[in-house]
């Protein structure tokens, strides 16, 4: 069997990556040790960045029905007093910043999405045993349930095979960090016995807990286990009912989907890439669940790596582009690990004196308007910013902070459509955005080079100018700023020309007269063949 990319693991990261590669016609084989998808809830929180990634692969309409959007997260103490609240309402990337979701149903939509692509094949009940690398790529040996062995030849192998990753082990890289000695019991229930729509995190020193509303009448509870409670106790009659008694009216009558004891890990791999072998998702980093960022960090990995693999395997960039994957993703993954660990420490104190001090500090700080706004709007969440990698800072001033950040996604108008999300105009590849300017005139011959690479040229205009056809050209899409959000963005930032990557991060930015020079510099940064 031969492919351009072999993916180990048919979890959300592997399936998302396979959908991205399928969109670009990359020959892909997915190898999964199980015989089917996991059918019980795992991840329960999805953010706007992940939803935007699912929009990019054309599956957002299938995934949204399995979400609870705009979930509020309330931290309460042992007496039920509100300590802090996270309730973001803004949607800078076009989607709710916090949503609950049913992971098995979303995973199923990601899997079904692969049916669109004749170039993608999924092999179930196959286990990666070993691999060998050469100048041509990777030869991976996989085993079937009957013990037979076969070989997959691919240019690249990507391990998306979870925290116990075989791929990572075979790479020989470290998995640095810690595992908390504290155990937690997760309980997923059908026919939600509570029904409230949001998330409660109980910072109760008697027994910290979490209660999460999910789509389709599912509720998750999580309880900290005491040191003197062995894992086996969760199977004893009455134990679950005792935990649930303070939270539901009839705890002995709940419909349990699953229960499981687990610990929290804060770990990151020593390398994300070794030659033609890469790792992503939990194989590359593990973090506590408190901000729901383990799942979302994996989707970020897939969105970052997917277009780069497509560019390299399609001959639009050299292999060196893949080195930017770890450059860009490691720092942010580390920041999310640290944030998740910090939140866990906030809710977990069992000492009543320490908990009382925490409560007093939390209530006092939340009373300060600026701090309260910082929490409510999730401004504490580290957003990705790529200062190195597939970005160019040529001709940007030190006051420019737009390069390396994800661009906004407001609703816009075209001559054919009204009120559509910006990404649905930009398409799946690079796009060059020009505020109130003609890209062909500004770029001159550089425009031909970007068009040859499959990029889209976009003129952004005020809505009042949409009907004017004076400088129309078939290679330029006219987009009107119907909501005024784009004008506000360009008014607040110096650049007026943006080079957007397929993952919607700003690869380069400048004022119009620097566009040709920046185009040359970015082409070198992206390792586009023959452009040095």
Protein backbone atom coordinates (compact mmCIF):
# COMPACT_ATOMS: atom_id res chain seq x y z
CA UNK A 1 0.00 0.00 0.00
CA UNK A 2 1.27 3.45 -0.87
CA UNK A 3 0.20 6.95 0.08
CA UNK A 4 1.54 10.46 0.40
CA UNK A 5 0.58 10.59 4.10
CA UNK A 6 -0.16 7.78 6.55
CA UNK A 7 -2.04 8.75 9.71
CA UNK A 8 -1.99 6.55 12.80
CA UNK A 9 -5.20 7.00 14.78
CA UNK A 10 -8.81 7.67 13.77
CA UNK A 11 -9.60 9.98 16.65
CA UNK A 12 -10.69 13.60 16.13
CA UNK A 13 -7.17 14.81 15.29
CA UNK A 14 -6.44 12.08 12.77
CA UNK A 15 -9.88 12.40 11.17
CA UNK A 16 -9.63 16.20 10.93
CA UNK A 17 -6.18 15.93 9.38
CA UNK A 18 -7.44 13.33 6.91
CA UNK A 19 -10.32 15.62 5.88
CA UNK A 20 -7.91 18.51 5.26
CA UNK A 21 -5.66 16.30 3.16
CA UNK A 22 -8.64 14.86 1.31
CA UNK A 23 -9.81 18.35 0.35
CA UNK A 24 -6.44 18.92 -1.31
CA UNK A 25 -6.37 15.57 -3.09
CA UNK A 26 -3.53 14.14 -0.99
CA UNK A 27 -3.37 10.33 -1.05
CA UNK A 28 -3.95 9.41 2.60
CA UNK A 29 -4.24 6.18 4.59
CA UNK A 30 -5.62 6.23 8.15
CA UNK A 31 -4.65 3.28 10.35
CA UNK A 32 -6.78 2.63 13.44
CA UNK A 33 -6.18 -0.08 16.05
CA UNK A 34 -9.86 -0.32 17.02
CA UNK A 35 -12.52 -1.84 14.80
CA UNK A 36 -14.77 1.23 15.04
CA UNK A 37 -14.98 4.70 16.55
CA UNK A 38 -15.22 5.08 20.32
CA UNK A 39 -18.92 5.43 21.12
CA UNK A 40 -18.88 7.08 24.57
CA UNK A 41 -18.41 10.79 25.42
CA UNK A 42 -14.85 11.96 26.10
CA UNK A 43 -14.14 15.59 25.28
CA UNK A 44 -17.06 17.85 26.21
CA UNK A 45 -15.91 21.38 25.28
CA UNK A 46 -15.30 22.79 21.82
CA UNK A 47 -14.14 26.33 21.04
CA UNK A 48 -14.48 28.77 18.17
CA UNK A 49 -11.12 27.87 16.64
CA UNK A 50 -12.13 24.22 16.29
CA UNK A 51 -15.52 25.11 14.83
CA UNK A 52 -13.76 27.34 12.33
CA UNK A 53 -11.53 24.41 11.38
CA UNK A 54 -14.61 22.24 10.84
CA UNK A 55 -16.11 25.00 8.72
CA UNK A 56 -12.95 24.93 6.60
CA UNK A 57 -13.36 21.22 5.86
CA UNK A 58 -17.01 21.68 4.92
CA UNK A 59 -18.57 19.81 7.86
CA UNK A 60 -19.79 22.58 10.12
CA UNK A 61 -23.47 22.07 9.26
CA UNK A 62 -23.21 18.41 10.21
CA UNK A 63 -21.37 19.12 13.47
CA UNK A 64 -23.36 22.04 14.90
CA UNK A 65 -26.44 19.92 15.76
CA UNK A 66 -24.31 18.05 18.31
CA UNK A 67 -23.29 21.20 20.22
CA UNK A 68 -24.63 23.42 23.01
CA UNK A 69 -23.40 26.90 22.02
CA UNK A 70 -22.45 29.82 24.26
CA UNK A 71 -22.06 27.79 27.44
CA UNK A 72 -21.46 29.78 30.60
CA UNK A 73 -18.94 28.35 33.05
CA UNK A 74 -19.59 29.25 36.68
CA UNK A 75 -17.12 28.55 39.47
CA UNK A 76 -18.86 28.15 42.82
CA UNK A 77 -17.55 27.37 46.29
CA UNK A 78 -18.75 24.76 48.75
CA UNK A 79 -21.70 26.95 49.75
CA UNK A 80 -22.75 27.57 46.16
CA UNK A 81 -21.47 31.15 46.13
CA UNK A 82 -20.32 32.40 42.75
CA UNK A 83 -16.54 32.88 42.63
CA UNK A 84 -16.06 33.62 38.94
CA UNK A 85 -17.97 33.38 35.70
CA UNK A 86 -16.85 32.84 32.11
CA UNK A 87 -19.56 33.93 29.67
CA UNK A 88 -18.11 35.23 26.40
CA UNK A 89 -20.60 36.63 23.91
CA UNK A 90 -18.32 37.97 21.19
CA UNK A 91 -17.60 35.80 18.13
CA UNK A 92 -14.47 37.23 16.48
CA UNK A 93 -13.88 34.03 14.51
CA UNK A 94 -17.50 33.57 13.49
CA UNK A 95 -18.48 30.96 16.08
CA UNK A 96 -19.27 30.77 19.82
CA UNK A 97 -16.16 30.82 21.96
CA UNK A 98 -17.46 28.02 24.22
CA UNK A 99 -19.78 25.14 23.32
CA UNK A 100 -20.53 21.79 24.85
CA UNK A 101 -20.59 18.87 22.43
CA UNK A 102 -20.98 15.11 22.09
CA UNK A 103 -17.61 13.90 20.86
CA UNK A 104 -18.66 10.47 19.48
CA UNK A 105 -21.28 12.09 17.25
CA UNK A 106 -18.85 14.76 16.05
CA UNK A 107 -16.20 12.11 15.41
CA UNK A 108 -18.77 10.18 13.37
CA UNK A 109 -19.38 13.25 11.20
CA UNK A 110 -15.63 13.64 10.67
CA UNK A 111 -15.43 10.00 9.61
CA UNK A 112 -18.42 10.30 7.28
CA UNK A 113 -16.77 13.35 5.72
CA UNK A 114 -13.98 11.14 4.42
CA UNK A 115 -16.47 9.40 2.12
CA UNK A 116 -16.20 12.47 -0.11
CA UNK A 117 -12.62 11.67 -1.02
CA UNK A 118 -11.49 8.81 -3.20
CA UNK A 119 -7.92 9.58 -2.16
CA UNK A 120 -8.50 8.74 1.54
CA UNK A 121 -8.73 5.20 2.90
CA UNK A 122 -9.34 4.08 6.51
CA UNK A 123 -7.97 0.72 7.70
CA UNK A 124 -9.66 -0.56 10.87
CA UNK A 125 -8.22 -3.14 13.27
CA UNK A 126 -4.68 -2.36 12.19
CA UNK A 127 -1.81 -1.70 14.60
CA UNK A 128 1.42 0.12 13.89
CA UNK A 129 4.26 -2.23 14.81
CA UNK A 130 7.34 -0.45 13.48
CA UNK A 131 8.62 1.80 10.74
CA UNK A 132 11.77 2.52 8.81
CA UNK A 133 12.70 5.84 7.25
CA UNK A 134 14.65 6.56 4.09
CA UNK A 135 15.17 9.34 1.60
CA UNK A 136 11.83 8.35 0.04
CA UNK A 137 9.87 8.62 3.29
CA UNK A 138 8.52 5.95 5.64
CA UNK A 139 7.82 2.24 5.37
CA UNK A 140 5.42 1.39 8.20
CA UNK A 141 4.71 -2.20 9.24
CA UNK A 142 1.15 -2.79 10.45
CA UNK A 143 -0.48 -5.90 11.83
CA UNK A 144 -4.00 -7.28 11.37
CA UNK A 145 -6.05 -9.16 13.99
CA UNK A 146 -4.96 -12.50 12.53
CA UNK A 147 -1.31 -11.57 13.07
CA UNK A 148 -0.51 -10.97 9.41
CA UNK A 149 1.80 -8.07 8.57
CA UNK A 150 1.72 -5.58 5.73
CA UNK A 151 3.63 -2.46 4.78
CA UNK A 152 2.44 1.06 4.06
CA UNK A 153 4.85 3.23 2.09
CA UNK A 154 4.31 6.97 2.54
CA UNK A 155 6.22 10.20 2.24
CA UNK A 156 5.12 11.15 5.76
CA UNK A 157 3.74 9.37 8.82
CA UNK A 158 1.69 11.33 11.38
CA UNK A 159 0.98 9.80 14.78
CA UNK A 160 -2.41 10.94 16.09
CA UNK A 161 -2.60 7.91 18.36
CA UNK A 162 -3.21 9.44 21.77
CA UNK A 163 -1.36 9.84 25.03
CA UNK A 164 0.07 6.31 24.86
CA UNK A 165 1.24 6.92 21.31
CA UNK A 166 3.10 4.07 19.65
CA UNK A 167 4.37 6.54 17.08
CA UNK A 168 5.94 8.73 19.76
CA UNK A 169 7.55 5.69 21.38
CA UNK A 170 9.00 4.52 18.08
CA UNK A 171 10.31 8.04 17.43
CA UNK A 172 12.29 7.71 20.63
CA UNK A 173 11.34 11.15 21.91
CA UNK A 174 10.61 12.08 25.52
CA UNK A 175 7.23 12.95 27.03
CA UNK A 176 8.20 15.47 29.67
CA UNK A 177 5.96 16.69 32.46
CA UNK A 178 3.96 15.41 35.39
CA UNK A 179 0.99 13.23 36.24
CA UNK A 180 -1.19 14.40 39.10
CA UNK A 181 -1.66 11.87 41.93
CA UNK A 182 -5.24 13.08 42.29
CA UNK A 183 -7.86 10.86 40.69
CA UNK A 184 -11.19 11.95 39.27
CA UNK A 185 -14.33 9.97 38.53
CA UNK A 186 -16.19 10.93 35.35
CA UNK A 187 -19.85 9.91 35.03
CA UNK A 188 -21.83 10.44 31.81
CA UNK A 189 -25.62 10.26 32.10
CA UNK A 190 -28.42 9.99 29.56
CA UNK A 191 -31.73 11.76 30.16
CA UNK A 192 -30.11 14.68 31.97
CA UNK A 193 -31.51 14.62 35.52
CA UNK A 194 -30.73 18.32 36.01
CA UNK A 195 -31.38 19.98 32.66
CA UNK A 196 -29.66 23.32 33.30
CA UNK A 197 -27.86 24.53 30.16
CA UNK A 198 -24.43 25.50 31.44
CA UNK A 199 -21.32 24.33 33.31
CA UNK A 200 -20.72 24.44 37.06
CA UNK A 201 -17.30 23.90 38.56
CA UNK A 202 -17.60 23.25 42.26
CA UNK A 203 -14.52 24.37 44.17
CA UNK A 204 -15.81 22.54 47.23
CA UNK A 205 -13.07 21.45 49.68
CA UNK A 206 -15.28 18.55 50.80
CA UNK A 207 -15.22 17.11 47.27
CA UNK A 208 -14.56 19.26 44.18
CA UNK A 209 -16.91 18.50 41.29
CA UNK A 210 -17.90 19.52 37.77
CA UNK A 211 -21.37 19.42 36.19
CA UNK A 212 -21.64 19.90 32.41
CA UNK A 213 -24.69 20.06 30.15
CA UNK A 214 -24.17 18.38 26.78
CA UNK A 215 -26.30 18.10 23.67
CA UNK A 216 -29.06 15.50 23.26
CA UNK A 217 -29.88 15.25 26.97
CA UNK A 218 -26.48 14.08 28.16
CA UNK A 219 -24.89 15.38 31.38
CA UNK A 220 -21.39 14.86 32.67
CA UNK A 221 -20.42 14.87 36.34
CA UNK A 222 -16.85 14.69 37.57
CA UNK A 223 -15.89 14.16 41.20
CA UNK A 224 -12.51 14.18 42.88
CA UNK A 225 -11.74 10.81 44.47
CA UNK A 226 -10.45 10.69 48.05
CA UNK A 227 -7.12 9.03 48.74
CA UNK A 228 -8.77 6.25 50.73
CA UNK A 229 -11.23 5.40 47.93
CA UNK A 230 -9.89 2.68 45.61
CA UNK A 231 -10.89 2.72 41.95
CA UNK A 232 -13.03 -0.37 42.49
CA UNK A 233 -15.35 1.48 44.84
CA UNK A 234 -17.11 3.11 41.89
CA UNK A 235 -18.69 -0.28 41.11
CA UNK A 236 -20.12 -0.73 44.59
CA UNK A 237 -23.86 -0.30 45.04
CA UNK A 238 -24.70 3.13 46.36
CA UNK A 239 -21.35 4.86 45.75
CA UNK A 240 -22.43 6.76 42.64
CA UNK A 241 -25.76 7.59 44.22
CA UNK A 242 -23.96 9.03 47.22
CA UNK A 243 -21.86 11.30 45.01
CA UNK A 244 -24.85 12.43 42.98
CA UNK A 245 -27.23 12.94 45.90
CA UNK A 246 -26.40 16.66 46.46
CA UNK A 247 -26.92 17.37 42.75
CA UNK A 248 -29.92 15.36 41.47
CA UNK A 249 -33.32 14.57 43.01
CA UNK A 250 -33.25 10.78 42.54
CA UNK A 251 -29.59 9.70 42.32
CA UNK A 252 -30.36 5.98 42.28
CA UNK A 253 -32.48 6.35 39.14
CA UNK A 254 -29.94 7.87 36.73
CA UNK A 255 -29.12 6.30 33.36
CA UNK A 256 -25.35 5.83 33.27
CA UNK A 257 -23.61 5.80 29.90
CA UNK A 258 -20.18 5.19 31.42
CA UNK A 259 -18.06 5.82 34.47
CA UNK A 260 -14.31 5.93 34.60
CA UNK A 261 -11.54 6.94 37.00
CA UNK A 262 -8.68 8.92 35.51
CA UNK A 263 -5.79 11.18 36.41
CA UNK A 264 -4.65 14.47 34.88
CA UNK A 265 -1.45 14.73 32.89
CA UNK A 266 0.61 17.81 32.04
CA UNK A 267 3.09 16.58 29.44
CA UNK A 268 4.67 17.61 26.15
CA UNK A 269 6.82 15.62 23.75
CA UNK A 270 10.48 16.47 23.34
CA UNK A 271 10.02 16.60 19.55
CA UNK A 272 6.97 16.93 17.31
CA UNK A 273 8.93 15.89 14.22
CA UNK A 274 11.76 13.54 13.44
CA UNK A 275 12.44 13.37 9.70
CA UNK A 276 9.32 12.19 7.86
CA UNK A 277 7.53 11.24 11.10
CA UNK A 278 5.39 13.73 13.04
CA UNK A 279 3.01 13.59 16.01
CA UNK A 280 -0.09 15.62 16.83
CA UNK A 281 -2.80 15.91 19.45
CA UNK A 282 -2.47 13.89 22.65
CA UNK A 283 0.50 12.08 21.15
CA UNK A 284 2.36 15.41 21.31
CA UNK A 285 0.85 17.00 24.43
CA UNK A 286 -1.50 16.17 27.30
CA UNK A 287 -3.20 18.66 29.60
CA UNK A 288 -5.77 18.67 32.41
CA UNK A 289 -9.40 19.00 31.36
CA UNK A 290 -10.28 22.22 33.17
CA UNK A 291 -10.39 24.50 30.15
CA UNK A 292 -11.44 21.82 27.67
CA UNK A 293 -8.34 22.52 25.63
CA UNK A 294 -6.91 19.03 25.12
CA UNK A 295 -9.35 18.31 22.29
CA UNK A 296 -9.11 21.81 20.84
CA UNK A 297 -5.31 21.86 20.94
CA UNK A 298 -5.32 18.70 18.86
CA UNK A 299 -7.62 20.26 16.27
CA UNK A 300 -5.23 23.26 16.14
CA UNK A 301 -2.40 20.84 15.43
CA UNK A 302 -4.33 19.29 12.54
CA UNK A 303 -5.27 22.69 11.08
CA UNK A 304 -1.65 23.84 11.29
CA UNK A 305 -0.09 20.69 9.90
CA UNK A 306 -2.69 19.79 7.30
CA UNK A 307 -2.14 22.62 4.83
CA UNK A 308 1.63 22.30 5.18
CA UNK A 309 1.55 18.60 4.30
CA UNK A 310 -0.72 19.42 1.37
CA UNK A 311 1.69 22.12 0.17
CA UNK A 312 4.74 19.87 0.42
CA UNK A 313 3.20 16.73 -1.09
CA UNK A 314 1.66 18.85 -3.85
CA UNK A 315 5.01 20.40 -4.79
CA UNK A 316 4.03 23.93 -3.74
CA UNK A 317 6.60 24.07 -0.93
CA UNK A 318 9.70 22.18 0.07
CA UNK A 319 10.01 19.78 2.99
CA UNK A 320 11.50 22.56 5.14
CA UNK A 321 8.00 24.03 5.57
CA UNK A 322 7.15 21.14 7.91
CA UNK A 323 9.78 22.33 10.39
CA UNK A 324 7.50 25.30 11.09
CA UNK A 325 4.84 22.99 12.56
CA UNK A 326 6.65 22.48 15.86
CA UNK A 327 7.99 26.04 15.85
CA UNK A 328 4.44 27.32 15.83
CA UNK A 329 2.54 24.77 17.88
CA UNK A 330 4.87 23.95 20.78
CA UNK A 331 4.70 27.31 22.57
CA UNK A 332 0.92 27.54 22.46
CA UNK A 333 0.44 23.93 23.54
CA UNK A 334 2.73 24.63 26.48
CA UNK A 335 0.71 27.74 27.39
CA UNK A 336 -2.55 25.77 27.35
CA UNK A 337 -1.03 23.07 29.55
CA UNK A 338 0.03 25.72 32.06
CA UNK A 339 -3.39 27.43 32.04
CA UNK A 340 -5.25 24.14 32.49
CA UNK A 341 -2.93 23.13 35.33
CA UNK A 342 -3.45 26.51 37.03
CA UNK A 343 -7.24 26.24 36.86
CA UNK A 344 -7.03 22.76 38.34
CA UNK A 345 -5.07 24.11 41.28
CA UNK A 346 -7.69 26.83 41.76
CA UNK A 347 -10.57 24.40 42.22
CA UNK A 348 -8.79 21.53 43.97
CA UNK A 349 -7.69 22.67 47.49
CA UNK A 350 -9.06 20.31 50.16
CA UNK A 351 -7.82 22.40 53.08
CA UNK A 352 -10.74 24.53 54.27
CA UNK A 353 -8.53 27.43 55.31
CA UNK A 354 -6.81 27.54 51.93
CA UNK A 355 -10.15 27.25 50.17
CA UNK A 356 -11.61 30.11 52.25
CA UNK A 357 -8.67 32.35 51.35
CA UNK A 358 -9.08 31.46 47.69
CA UNK A 359 -12.79 32.26 47.86
CA UNK A 360 -12.13 35.67 49.39
CA UNK A 361 -9.53 36.55 46.77
CA UNK A 362 -11.75 35.32 43.93
CA UNK A 363 -14.78 37.30 45.08
CA UNK A 364 -12.72 40.46 45.64
CA UNK A 365 -10.99 40.34 42.28
CA UNK A 366 -14.22 39.53 40.42
CA UNK A 367 -15.70 42.73 41.86
CA UNK A 368 -13.13 44.78 39.92
CA UNK A 369 -14.77 45.62 36.55
CA UNK A 370 -11.61 45.20 34.50
CA UNK A 371 -10.80 41.82 36.04
CA UNK A 372 -14.40 40.66 35.76
CA UNK A 373 -14.46 41.58 32.05
CA UNK A 374 -11.13 39.79 31.59
CA UNK A 375 -12.69 36.60 32.98
CA UNK A 376 -16.14 36.85 31.44
CA UNK A 377 -14.83 37.48 27.92
CA UNK A 378 -12.14 34.76 28.22
CA UNK A 379 -9.34 37.25 27.66
CA UNK A 380 -7.17 35.08 29.89
CA UNK A 381 -7.11 32.34 27.27
CA UNK A 382 -3.74 32.38 25.45
CA UNK A 383 -4.40 32.86 21.76
CA UNK A 384 -1.92 31.48 19.23
CA UNK A 385 0.67 34.00 18.03
CA UNK A 386 3.36 32.76 15.68
CA UNK A 387 6.48 34.87 15.90
CA UNK A 388 8.53 32.26 14.05
CA UNK A 389 7.58 29.76 11.40
CA UNK A 390 5.54 30.20 8.24
CA UNK A 391 5.22 33.95 8.75
CA UNK A 392 7.13 36.98 7.48
CA UNK A 393 7.60 40.24 9.35
CA UNK A 394 9.15 42.05 6.38
CA UNK A 395 8.14 45.72 6.25
CA UNK A 396 5.99 45.59 9.37
CA UNK A 397 6.64 48.08 12.11
CA UNK A 398 7.30 47.06 15.67
CA UNK A 399 3.83 48.35 16.54
CA UNK A 400 2.15 45.84 14.22
CA UNK A 401 0.75 42.86 16.07
CA UNK A 402 -1.33 41.26 13.32
CA UNK A 403 1.21 38.91 11.73
CA UNK A 404 1.09 35.43 13.19
CA UNK A 405 -2.43 35.87 14.55
CA UNK A 406 -5.67 34.44 13.28
CA UNK A 407 -7.74 36.92 11.27
CA UNK A 408 -11.31 37.75 12.20
CA UNK A 409 -14.27 36.19 10.42
CA UNK A 410 -17.23 38.56 10.15
CA UNK A 411 -20.22 38.11 7.88
CA UNK A 412 -19.80 39.77 4.50
CA UNK A 413 -21.61 40.31 1.21
CA UNK A 414 -20.67 39.45 -2.33
CA UNK A 415 -22.61 40.23 -5.46
CA UNK A 416 -24.04 36.72 -5.41
CA UNK A 417 -24.53 36.15 -1.68
CA UNK A 418 -25.42 38.16 1.41
CA UNK A 419 -24.47 37.70 5.04
CA UNK A 420 -22.04 34.83 4.57
CA UNK A 421 -19.01 34.09 6.73
CA UNK A 422 -15.77 35.41 5.30
CA UNK A 423 -14.01 32.04 5.13
CA UNK A 424 -16.69 30.75 2.78
CA UNK A 425 -15.51 33.38 0.30
CA UNK A 426 -11.79 32.88 0.85
CA UNK A 427 -11.76 29.21 -0.08
CA UNK A 428 -9.48 26.41 1.17
CA UNK A 429 -6.07 27.82 0.24
CA UNK A 430 -4.11 31.07 0.54
CA UNK A 431 -5.96 34.35 0.12
CA UNK A 432 -4.66 37.89 -0.27
CA UNK A 433 -6.90 40.63 1.14
CA UNK A 434 -6.68 44.27 0.01
CA UNK A 435 -8.67 46.98 1.70
CA UNK A 436 -10.15 49.37 -0.85
CA UNK A 437 -7.51 48.53 -3.48
CA UNK A 438 -7.20 46.49 -6.67
CA UNK A 439 -4.87 43.53 -5.99
CA UNK A 440 -3.81 43.27 -9.64
CA UNK A 441 -2.67 46.88 -9.70
CA UNK A 442 -0.93 46.74 -6.33
CA UNK A 443 0.85 43.40 -6.85
CA UNK A 444 1.60 43.75 -10.57
CA UNK A 445 3.48 40.59 -11.71
CA UNK A 446 3.41 39.12 -8.22
CA UNK A 447 -0.33 38.60 -8.67
CA UNK A 448 0.30 36.05 -11.42
CA UNK A 449 2.61 34.07 -9.16
CA UNK A 450 0.06 33.85 -6.34
CA UNK A 451 -2.74 32.94 -8.72
CA UNK A 452 -0.54 30.17 -10.11
CA UNK A 453 -0.18 28.82 -6.56
CA UNK A 454 -3.97 28.68 -6.21
CA UNK A 455 -4.39 31.76 -4.02
CA UNK A 456 -7.48 33.96 -4.16
CA UNK A 457 -7.22 37.72 -4.56
CA UNK A 458 -9.84 39.63 -2.56
CA UNK A 459 -10.81 43.31 -2.66
CA UNK A 460 -12.55 44.39 0.54
CA UNK A 461 -14.88 47.37 0.13
CA UNK A 462 -17.41 49.34 2.07
CA UNK A 463 -20.93 48.06 1.41
CA UNK A 464 -21.78 51.25 -0.47
CA UNK A 465 -19.29 50.28 -3.22
CA UNK A 466 -20.51 46.74 -3.82
CA UNK A 467 -22.57 47.66 -6.90
CA UNK A 468 -19.68 49.47 -8.62
CA UNK A 469 -18.11 47.32 -11.36
CA UNK A 470 -15.54 49.78 -12.67
CA UNK A 471 -12.42 47.66 -12.00
CA UNK A 472 -13.89 44.15 -12.02
CA UNK A 473 -11.63 41.31 -13.08
CA UNK A 474 -12.39 37.57 -13.11
CA UNK A 475 -9.35 36.84 -10.93
CA UNK A 476 -10.49 39.19 -8.15
CA UNK A 477 -13.36 38.57 -5.74
CA UNK A 478 -15.24 41.67 -4.55
CA UNK A 479 -16.29 41.45 -0.89
CA UNK A 480 -18.41 44.07 0.84
CA UNK A 481 -18.11 44.88 4.53
CA UNK A 482 -21.81 44.71 5.34
CA UNK A 483 -21.40 44.79 9.13
CA UNK A 484 -18.57 47.32 9.33
CA UNK A 485 -16.35 44.89 11.28
CA UNK A 486 -13.67 44.81 8.59
CA UNK A 487 -13.48 48.60 8.43
CA UNK A 488 -13.10 48.71 12.22
CA UNK A 489 -10.32 46.15 12.03
CA UNK A 490 -8.37 48.04 9.35
CA UNK A 491 -9.00 51.31 11.14
CA UNK A 492 -7.37 49.88 14.28
CA UNK A 493 -4.40 48.25 12.51
CA UNK A 494 -1.80 49.77 10.20
CA UNK A 495 -1.55 47.12 7.43
CA UNK A 496 -4.01 47.29 4.54
CA UNK A 497 -2.77 44.20 2.67
CA UNK A 498 -2.97 40.79 4.33
CA UNK A 499 -1.56 37.46 3.17
CA UNK A 500 -3.73 34.79 4.84
CA UNK A 501 -2.68 31.17 5.21
CA UNK A 502 -5.20 28.34 4.70
CA UNK A 503 -5.60 28.14 8.51
CA UNK A 504 -6.57 31.86 8.46
CA UNK A 505 -3.46 33.07 10.24
CA UNK A 506 -1.88 36.23 8.87
CA UNK A 507 1.32 35.10 7.18
CA UNK A 508 2.38 38.65 6.26
CA UNK A 509 0.93 42.15 6.33
CA UNK A 510 1.88 45.57 5.00
CA UNK A 511 0.69 48.82 3.52
CA UNK A 512 -0.10 48.74 -0.19
CA UNK A 513 3.21 50.06 -1.55
CA UNK A 514 5.16 47.33 0.23
CA UNK A 515 3.01 44.50 -1.13
CA UNK A 516 5.43 43.36 -3.87
CA UNK A 517 8.43 43.31 -1.53
CA UNK A 518 6.48 41.47 1.16
CA UNK A 519 5.23 38.98 -1.41
CA UNK A 520 8.83 38.09 -2.34
CA UNK A 521 9.85 37.78 1.32
CA UNK A 522 6.88 35.58 2.20
CA UNK A 523 7.53 33.26 -0.74
CA UNK A 524 11.00 32.62 0.62
CA UNK A 525 9.63 32.07 4.13
CA UNK A 526 7.13 29.52 2.84
CA UNK A 527 9.88 27.61 1.03
CA UNK A 528 8.11 27.92 -2.31
CA UNK A 529 10.37 26.21 -4.88
CA UNK A 530 12.20 28.49 -7.28
CA UNK A 531 11.27 31.68 -5.45
CA UNK A 532 14.53 32.59 -3.70
